[in-house]
Every structure is written in structure tokens, then in C-alpha cells.
Amino acid sequence: MGARQIAETHFRAALAEAMASDIAPELLARYMLSCVIAEYVRHRPPVDVRAELVAAADNLDPDADYVFMRP
């Protein structure tokens, strides 16, 4: 099993547990993101973590063109 499958399996399980406990999925996602960021910072400099988060935020819209794309 790859890293993506492991993460997705555990995230789905955490979502199911949160919903069973009447915890909003958005709240769980916020705390999961905090955990991920804390782990990133343990292994990478903050500037790298920031760049990763900015890149993810810049690519949130699945319908947006990438800067390097041509018409």
C-alpha cells in the first residue's frame, strides 16, 4: 500500500469517526491540517513548508489554468 492510500484510508476513517461524534468534517480537516503542518516543520524548514502550502492554495481551483499552460 502506498502513502496516498494509507493517508486516504486513515482520513476517511477519521471523518467517519468525527461524524459519528457529531464533529463537523471541516473542524476535523482543520485539526488534521495542523497535525500535518506540525510534522512538516519537524522535518523541513518553515520557508519550505510555507512554499508547499502556498503552492497548494494557488492550485485549489480545478478549473483554473496553470501559469505555464498555453491556450
N, C-alpha and C. Protein backbone atom coordinates (compact mmCIF):
# COMPACT_ATOMS: atom_id res chain seq x y z
N MET A 1 0.85 -1.18 0.00
CA MET A 1 0.00 0.00 0.00
C MET A 1 0.89 1.24 0.00
N GLY A 2 0.56 2.21 -0.84
CA GLY A 2 1.35 3.43 -0.93
C GLY A 2 0.93 4.48 0.08
N ALA A 3 1.73 5.53 0.16
CA ALA A 3 1.48 6.61 1.12
C ALA A 3 0.12 7.25 0.90
N ARG A 4 -0.26 7.47 -0.36
CA ARG A 4 -1.56 8.10 -0.65
C ARG A 4 -2.71 7.23 -0.13
N GLN A 5 -2.62 5.93 -0.39
CA GLN A 5 -3.68 5.02 0.06
C GLN A 5 -3.77 4.98 1.58
N ILE A 6 -2.63 4.96 2.24
CA ILE A 6 -2.62 4.96 3.71
C ILE A 6 -3.28 6.23 4.24
N ALA A 7 -2.88 7.39 3.69
CA ALA A 7 -3.45 8.66 4.14
C ALA A 7 -4.95 8.71 3.90
N GLU A 8 -5.38 8.32 2.70
CA GLU A 8 -6.81 8.37 2.38
C GLU A 8 -7.61 7.43 3.27
N THR A 9 -7.08 6.24 3.52
CA THR A 9 -7.77 5.27 4.38
C THR A 9 -7.97 5.84 5.79
N HIS A 10 -6.92 6.40 6.34
CA HIS A 10 -7.00 6.93 7.70
C HIS A 10 -7.84 8.20 7.77
N PHE A 11 -7.75 9.02 6.73
CA PHE A 11 -8.56 10.25 6.73
C PHE A 11 -10.04 9.90 6.64
N ARG A 12 -10.40 8.95 5.77
CA ARG A 12 -11.81 8.52 5.68
C ARG A 12 -12.30 7.96 7.01
N ALA A 13 -11.45 7.17 7.67
CA ALA A 13 -11.82 6.61 8.97
C ALA A 13 -11.99 7.72 10.00
N ALA A 14 -11.11 8.70 9.98
CA ALA A 14 -11.23 9.83 10.92
C ALA A 14 -12.50 10.63 10.64
N LEU A 15 -12.82 10.83 9.37
CA LEU A 15 -14.07 11.53 9.02
C LEU A 15 -15.29 10.77 9.53
N ALA A 16 -15.30 9.48 9.35
CA ALA A 16 -16.42 8.66 9.82
C ALA A 16 -16.54 8.74 11.33
N GLU A 17 -15.41 8.68 12.03
CA GLU A 17 -15.43 8.77 13.50
C GLU A 17 -15.90 10.15 13.95
N ALA A 18 -15.44 11.19 13.26
CA ALA A 18 -15.86 12.55 13.60
C ALA A 18 -17.37 12.72 13.40
N MET A 19 -17.87 12.25 12.28
CA MET A 19 -19.30 12.38 12.01
C MET A 19 -20.13 11.60 13.02
N ALA A 20 -19.65 10.44 13.45
CA ALA A 20 -20.35 9.64 14.46
C ALA A 20 -20.36 10.36 15.81
N SER A 21 -19.39 11.25 16.01
CA SER A 21 -19.29 12.01 17.25
C SER A 21 -19.85 13.43 17.10
N ASP A 22 -20.57 13.67 16.00
CA ASP A 22 -21.15 14.99 15.72
C ASP A 22 -20.10 16.10 15.65
N ILE A 23 -18.97 15.77 15.09
CA ILE A 23 -17.90 16.75 14.86
C ILE A 23 -17.92 17.09 13.37
N ALA A 24 -17.97 18.36 13.06
CA ALA A 24 -18.03 18.81 11.67
C ALA A 24 -16.79 18.37 10.90
N PRO A 25 -16.98 17.90 9.66
CA PRO A 25 -15.83 17.50 8.85
C PRO A 25 -14.80 18.62 8.67
N GLU A 26 -15.28 19.86 8.59
CA GLU A 26 -14.36 20.99 8.42
C GLU A 26 -13.46 21.16 9.64
N LEU A 27 -14.02 20.90 10.83
CA LEU A 27 -13.23 21.02 12.05
C LEU A 27 -12.16 19.92 12.09
N LEU A 28 -12.56 18.71 11.75
CA LEU A 28 -11.58 17.62 11.70
C LEU A 28 -10.48 17.96 10.69
N ALA A 29 -10.87 18.45 9.52
CA ALA A 29 -9.88 18.78 8.49
C ALA A 29 -8.90 19.85 8.98
N ARG A 30 -9.41 20.83 9.71
CA ARG A 30 -8.55 21.89 10.25
C ARG A 30 -7.51 21.30 11.20
N TYR A 31 -7.96 20.40 12.09
CA TYR A 31 -7.02 19.80 13.03
C TYR A 31 -6.05 18.85 12.34
N MET A 32 -6.52 18.13 11.34
CA MET A 32 -5.63 17.25 10.58
C MET A 32 -4.56 18.09 9.88
N LEU A 33 -4.97 19.21 9.29
CA LEU A 33 -4.01 20.09 8.62
C LEU A 33 -2.97 20.60 9.62
N SER A 34 -3.41 20.95 10.83
CA SER A 34 -2.48 21.39 11.87
C SER A 34 -1.47 20.29 12.19
N CYS A 35 -1.95 19.05 12.26
CA CYS A 35 -1.04 17.92 12.52
C CYS A 35 -0.04 17.75 11.39
N VAL A 36 -0.51 17.87 10.17
CA VAL A 36 0.37 17.72 9.00
C VAL A 36 1.42 18.82 8.99
N ILE A 37 1.00 20.05 9.25
CA ILE A 37 1.95 21.17 9.26
C ILE A 37 2.99 20.96 10.36
N ALA A 38 2.55 20.53 11.55
CA ALA A 38 3.50 20.29 12.65
C ALA A 38 4.52 19.23 12.26
N GLU A 39 4.07 18.19 11.56
CA GLU A 39 5.01 17.14 11.12
C GLU A 39 5.96 17.67 10.06
N TYR A 40 5.45 18.45 9.12
CA TYR A 40 6.31 19.07 8.10
C TYR A 40 7.42 19.88 8.77
N VAL A 41 7.04 20.70 9.75
CA VAL A 41 8.01 21.60 10.39
C VAL A 41 9.07 20.82 11.16
N ARG A 42 8.75 19.62 11.59
CA ARG A 42 9.74 18.79 12.27
C ARG A 42 10.85 18.35 11.32
N HIS A 43 10.55 18.28 10.03
CA HIS A 43 11.50 17.72 9.07
C HIS A 43 11.97 18.71 8.01
N ARG A 44 11.29 19.85 7.89
CA ARG A 44 11.63 20.81 6.84
C ARG A 44 11.63 22.21 7.42
N PRO A 45 12.41 23.11 6.83
CA PRO A 45 12.41 24.49 7.32
C PRO A 45 11.07 25.17 7.05
N PRO A 46 10.68 26.09 7.92
CA PRO A 46 9.40 26.78 7.74
C PRO A 46 9.21 27.40 6.36
N VAL A 47 10.27 27.91 5.75
CA VAL A 47 10.14 28.52 4.43
C VAL A 47 9.70 27.48 3.40
N ASP A 48 10.18 26.25 3.52
CA ASP A 48 9.77 25.19 2.60
C ASP A 48 8.31 24.79 2.83
N VAL A 49 7.92 24.73 4.10
CA VAL A 49 6.54 24.39 4.43
C VAL A 49 5.61 25.45 3.89
N ARG A 50 5.98 26.72 4.07
CA ARG A 50 5.17 27.82 3.54
C ARG A 50 5.02 27.71 2.03
N ALA A 51 6.12 27.44 1.34
CA ALA A 51 6.07 27.32 -0.12
C ALA A 51 5.14 26.20 -0.55
N GLU A 52 5.17 25.09 0.17
CA GLU A 52 4.29 23.96 -0.14
C GLU A 52 2.82 24.34 0.05
N LEU A 53 2.54 25.05 1.14
CA LEU A 53 1.16 25.47 1.42
C LEU A 53 0.67 26.51 0.42
N VAL A 54 1.53 27.44 0.06
CA VAL A 54 1.17 28.46 -0.93
C VAL A 54 0.90 27.80 -2.28
N ALA A 55 1.73 26.86 -2.67
CA ALA A 55 1.53 26.16 -3.94
C ALA A 55 0.20 25.41 -3.93
N ALA A 56 -0.11 24.76 -2.82
CA ALA A 56 -1.39 24.05 -2.71
C ALA A 56 -2.56 25.03 -2.79
N ALA A 57 -2.44 26.15 -2.10
CA ALA A 57 -3.51 27.16 -2.12
C ALA A 57 -3.68 27.77 -3.51
N ASP A 58 -2.58 27.98 -4.19
CA ASP A 58 -2.64 28.56 -5.53
C ASP A 58 -3.30 27.63 -6.54
N ASN A 59 -3.38 26.35 -6.22
CA ASN A 59 -3.93 25.37 -7.15
C ASN A 59 -5.21 24.72 -6.64
N LEU A 60 -5.98 25.45 -5.85
CA LEU A 60 -7.23 24.92 -5.30
C LEU A 60 -8.32 24.77 -6.35
N ASP A 61 -8.36 25.67 -7.32
CA ASP A 61 -9.43 25.67 -8.32
C ASP A 61 -9.10 24.67 -9.43
N PRO A 62 -9.86 23.58 -9.51
CA PRO A 62 -9.55 22.56 -10.52
C PRO A 62 -9.81 23.05 -11.95
N ASP A 63 -10.56 24.13 -12.11
CA ASP A 63 -10.86 24.65 -13.44
C ASP A 63 -9.90 25.75 -13.89
N ALA A 64 -9.01 26.18 -13.01
CA ALA A 64 -8.09 27.27 -13.34
C ALA A 64 -6.95 26.73 -14.21
N ASP A 65 -6.51 27.59 -15.12
CA ASP A 65 -5.35 27.25 -15.93
C ASP A 65 -4.08 27.47 -15.13
N TYR A 66 -3.09 26.65 -15.38
CA TYR A 66 -1.78 26.88 -14.76
C TYR A 66 -1.05 27.94 -15.55
N VAL A 67 -0.16 28.64 -14.87
CA VAL A 67 0.59 29.73 -15.50
C VAL A 67 1.34 29.23 -16.72
N PHE A 68 1.87 28.02 -16.68
CA PHE A 68 2.68 27.52 -17.79
C PHE A 68 1.82 26.96 -18.95
N MET A 69 0.50 26.91 -18.76
CA MET A 69 -0.37 26.36 -19.82
C MET A 69 -0.58 27.39 -20.93
N ARG A 70 -0.66 26.90 -22.11
CA ARG A 70 -0.93 27.79 -23.25
C ARG A 70 -2.32 27.49 -23.79
N PRO A 71 -2.98 28.50 -24.36
CA PRO A 71 -4.34 28.27 -24.91
C PRO A 71 -4.34 27.32 -26.10
